[in-house]
Amino acid sequence: MKEPTEMKTQQYQRMIELSDLARQRYLDAGGDPRRSADERYMTDEEKKEYFELGRQVFGVEIRDGEVYCQGRSWKLAASSEK
C-alpha cells in the first residue's frame, strides 16, 4: 500500500472536518451521543464537497453509468425516480 500524498492527506482532513461539523450539529439538535450523525446534518454544499473529496481520496470514478474503484467496476442501479 502506498503512502498518501500531502494533497490526499489534506483532502482527508477536510472530510474529517465536515464529518465533525455534522456530528456537532447532530448533538446540538439533541441527538444521541452514542449514535452517529447522518447526511441530514450537512448542507447541500457540504455534502457535495464531502462526496467529491471522497472520490478523489479513495479513487472512485463514475463513467457511463459504471463505478470504477481499486481495479474493480460495477453498474449503478437504475434510478427509481421519475
C-alpha atoms as a PDB file:
ATOM      1  CA  MET A   1       0.000   0.000   0.000  1.00  0.00           C
ATOM      2  CA  LYS A   2       1.429   3.374  -0.959  1.00  0.00           C
ATOM      3  CA  GLU A   3       1.647   6.379   1.340  1.00  0.00           C
ATOM      4  CA  PRO A   4      -0.895   9.151   0.692  1.00  0.00           C
ATOM      5  CA  THR A   5       0.344  12.381  -0.850  1.00  0.00           C
ATOM      6  CA  GLU A   6       0.203  15.665   1.058  1.00  0.00           C
ATOM      7  CA  MET A   7      -2.795  16.704  -1.061  1.00  0.00           C
ATOM      8  CA  LYS A   8      -4.698  13.491  -0.282  1.00  0.00           C
ATOM      9  CA  THR A   9      -3.907  13.923   3.419  1.00  0.00           C
ATOM     10  CA  GLN A  10      -5.297  17.477   3.338  1.00  0.00           C
ATOM     11  CA  GLN A  11      -8.398  16.316   1.471  1.00  0.00           C
ATOM     12  CA  TYR A  12      -8.953  13.544   4.005  1.00  0.00           C
ATOM     13  CA  GLN A  13      -8.541  16.032   6.866  1.00  0.00           C
ATOM     14  CA  ARG A  14     -11.206  18.231   5.251  1.00  0.00           C
ATOM     15  CA  MET A  15     -13.548  15.222   5.116  1.00  0.00           C
ATOM     16  CA  ILE A  16     -12.983  14.716   8.847  1.00  0.00           C
ATOM     17  CA  GLU A  17     -13.729  18.413   9.487  1.00  0.00           C
ATOM     18  CA  LEU A  18     -17.013  18.151   7.576  1.00  0.00           C
ATOM     19  CA  SER A  19     -17.949  14.982   9.487  1.00  0.00           C
ATOM     20  CA  ASP A  20     -17.121  16.627  12.807  1.00  0.00           C
ATOM     21  CA  LEU A  21     -19.241  19.641  11.882  1.00  0.00           C
ATOM     22  CA  ALA A  22     -22.218  17.402  11.052  1.00  0.00           C
ATOM     23  CA  ARG A  23     -21.707  15.486  14.303  1.00  0.00           C
ATOM     24  CA  GLN A  24     -21.716  18.696  16.334  1.00  0.00           C
ATOM     25  CA  ARG A  25     -24.908  19.869  14.631  1.00  0.00           C
ATOM     26  CA  TYR A  26     -26.480  16.489  15.392  1.00  0.00           C
ATOM     27  CA  LEU A  27     -25.549  16.743  19.063  1.00  0.00           C
ATOM     28  CA  ASP A  28     -26.696  20.384  19.261  1.00  0.00           C
ATOM     29  CA  ALA A  29     -30.067  19.264  17.887  1.00  0.00           C
ATOM     30  CA  GLY A  30     -30.407  16.796  20.778  1.00  0.00           C
ATOM     31  CA  GLY A  31     -29.049  13.710  19.023  1.00  0.00           C
ATOM     32  CA  ASP A  32     -27.994  10.589  20.925  1.00  0.00           C
ATOM     33  CA  PRO A  33     -24.228  10.848  21.606  1.00  0.00           C
ATOM     34  CA  ARG A  34     -23.910   7.052  21.234  1.00  0.00           C
ATOM     35  CA  ARG A  35     -25.112   7.197  17.631  1.00  0.00           C
ATOM     36  CA  SER A  36     -23.590   8.776  14.559  1.00  0.00           C
ATOM     37  CA  ALA A  37     -24.957  11.731  12.636  1.00  0.00           C
ATOM     38  CA  ASP A  38     -26.137  11.248   9.078  1.00  0.00           C
ATOM     39  CA  GLU A  39     -26.151  13.384   5.952  1.00  0.00           C
ATOM     40  CA  ARG A  40     -29.157  15.397   7.156  1.00  0.00           C
ATOM     41  CA  TYR A  41     -26.777  17.463   9.267  1.00  0.00           C
ATOM     42  CA  MET A  42     -24.725  18.667   6.281  1.00  0.00           C
ATOM     43  CA  THR A  43     -25.755  21.417   3.895  1.00  0.00           C
ATOM     44  CA  ASP A  44     -26.117  20.520   0.220  1.00  0.00           C
ATOM     45  CA  GLU A  45     -22.807  22.270  -0.499  1.00  0.00           C
ATOM     46  CA  GLU A  46     -21.056  20.351   2.293  1.00  0.00           C
ATOM     47  CA  LYS A  47     -22.453  17.035   1.021  1.00  0.00           C
ATOM     48  CA  LYS A  48     -21.285  17.807  -2.496  1.00  0.00           C
ATOM     49  CA  GLU A  49     -17.799  18.729  -1.248  1.00  0.00           C
ATOM     50  CA  TYR A  50     -17.630  15.663   1.024  1.00  0.00           C
ATOM     51  CA  PHE A  51     -18.521  13.194  -1.721  1.00  0.00           C
ATOM     52  CA  GLU A  52     -16.221  14.864  -4.260  1.00  0.00           C
ATOM     53  CA  LEU A  53     -13.344  14.677  -1.779  1.00  0.00           C
ATOM     54  CA  GLY A  54     -14.175  11.021  -1.126  1.00  0.00           C
ATOM     55  CA  ARG A  55     -13.999  10.237  -4.836  1.00  0.00           C
ATOM     56  CA  GLN A  56     -10.622  11.958  -5.092  1.00  0.00           C
ATOM     57  CA  VAL A  57      -9.110  10.493  -1.928  1.00  0.00           C
ATOM     58  CA  PHE A  58     -10.304   6.928  -2.470  1.00  0.00           C
ATOM     59  CA  GLY A  59     -10.009   6.827  -6.268  1.00  0.00           C
ATOM     60  CA  VAL A  60     -13.674   6.360  -7.140  1.00  0.00           C
ATOM     61  CA  GLU A  61     -14.675   7.278 -10.679  1.00  0.00           C
ATOM     62  CA  ILE A  62     -18.126   7.195 -12.276  1.00  0.00           C
ATOM     63  CA  ARG A  63     -18.312   6.898 -16.077  1.00  0.00           C
ATOM     64  CA  ASP A  64     -21.184   5.921 -18.343  1.00  0.00           C
ATOM     65  CA  GLY A  65     -23.306   4.517 -15.532  1.00  0.00           C
ATOM     66  CA  GLU A  66     -20.493   2.417 -14.065  1.00  0.00           C
ATOM     67  CA  VAL A  67     -18.420   2.863 -10.913  1.00  0.00           C
ATOM     68  CA  TYR A  68     -14.672   2.211 -11.055  1.00  0.00           C
ATOM     69  CA  CYS A  69     -12.684   1.781  -7.844  1.00  0.00           C
ATOM     70  CA  GLN A  70      -9.485  -0.084  -6.956  1.00  0.00           C
ATOM     71  CA  GLY A  71      -9.378  -2.032 -10.205  1.00  0.00           C
ATOM     72  CA  ARG A  72     -12.997  -3.162  -9.981  1.00  0.00           C
ATOM     73  CA  SER A  73     -16.141  -1.870 -11.654  1.00  0.00           C
ATOM     74  CA  TRP A  74     -19.883  -2.331 -11.389  1.00  0.00           C
ATOM     75  CA  LYS A  75     -23.014  -0.843 -12.899  1.00  0.00           C
ATOM     76  CA  LEU A  76     -25.001   1.735 -10.986  1.00  0.00           C
ATOM     77  CA  ALA A  77     -28.500   0.680 -10.019  1.00  0.00           C
ATOM     78  CA  ALA A  78     -31.251   2.177 -12.156  1.00  0.00           C
ATOM     79  CA  SER A  79     -32.787   5.219 -10.509  1.00  0.00           C
ATOM     80  CA  SER A  80     -36.340   4.747  -9.266  1.00  0.00           C
ATOM     81  CA  GLU A  81     -37.045   8.498  -9.534  1.00  0.00           C
ATOM     82  CA  LYS A  82     -39.430   9.595 -12.268  1.00  0.00           C
END
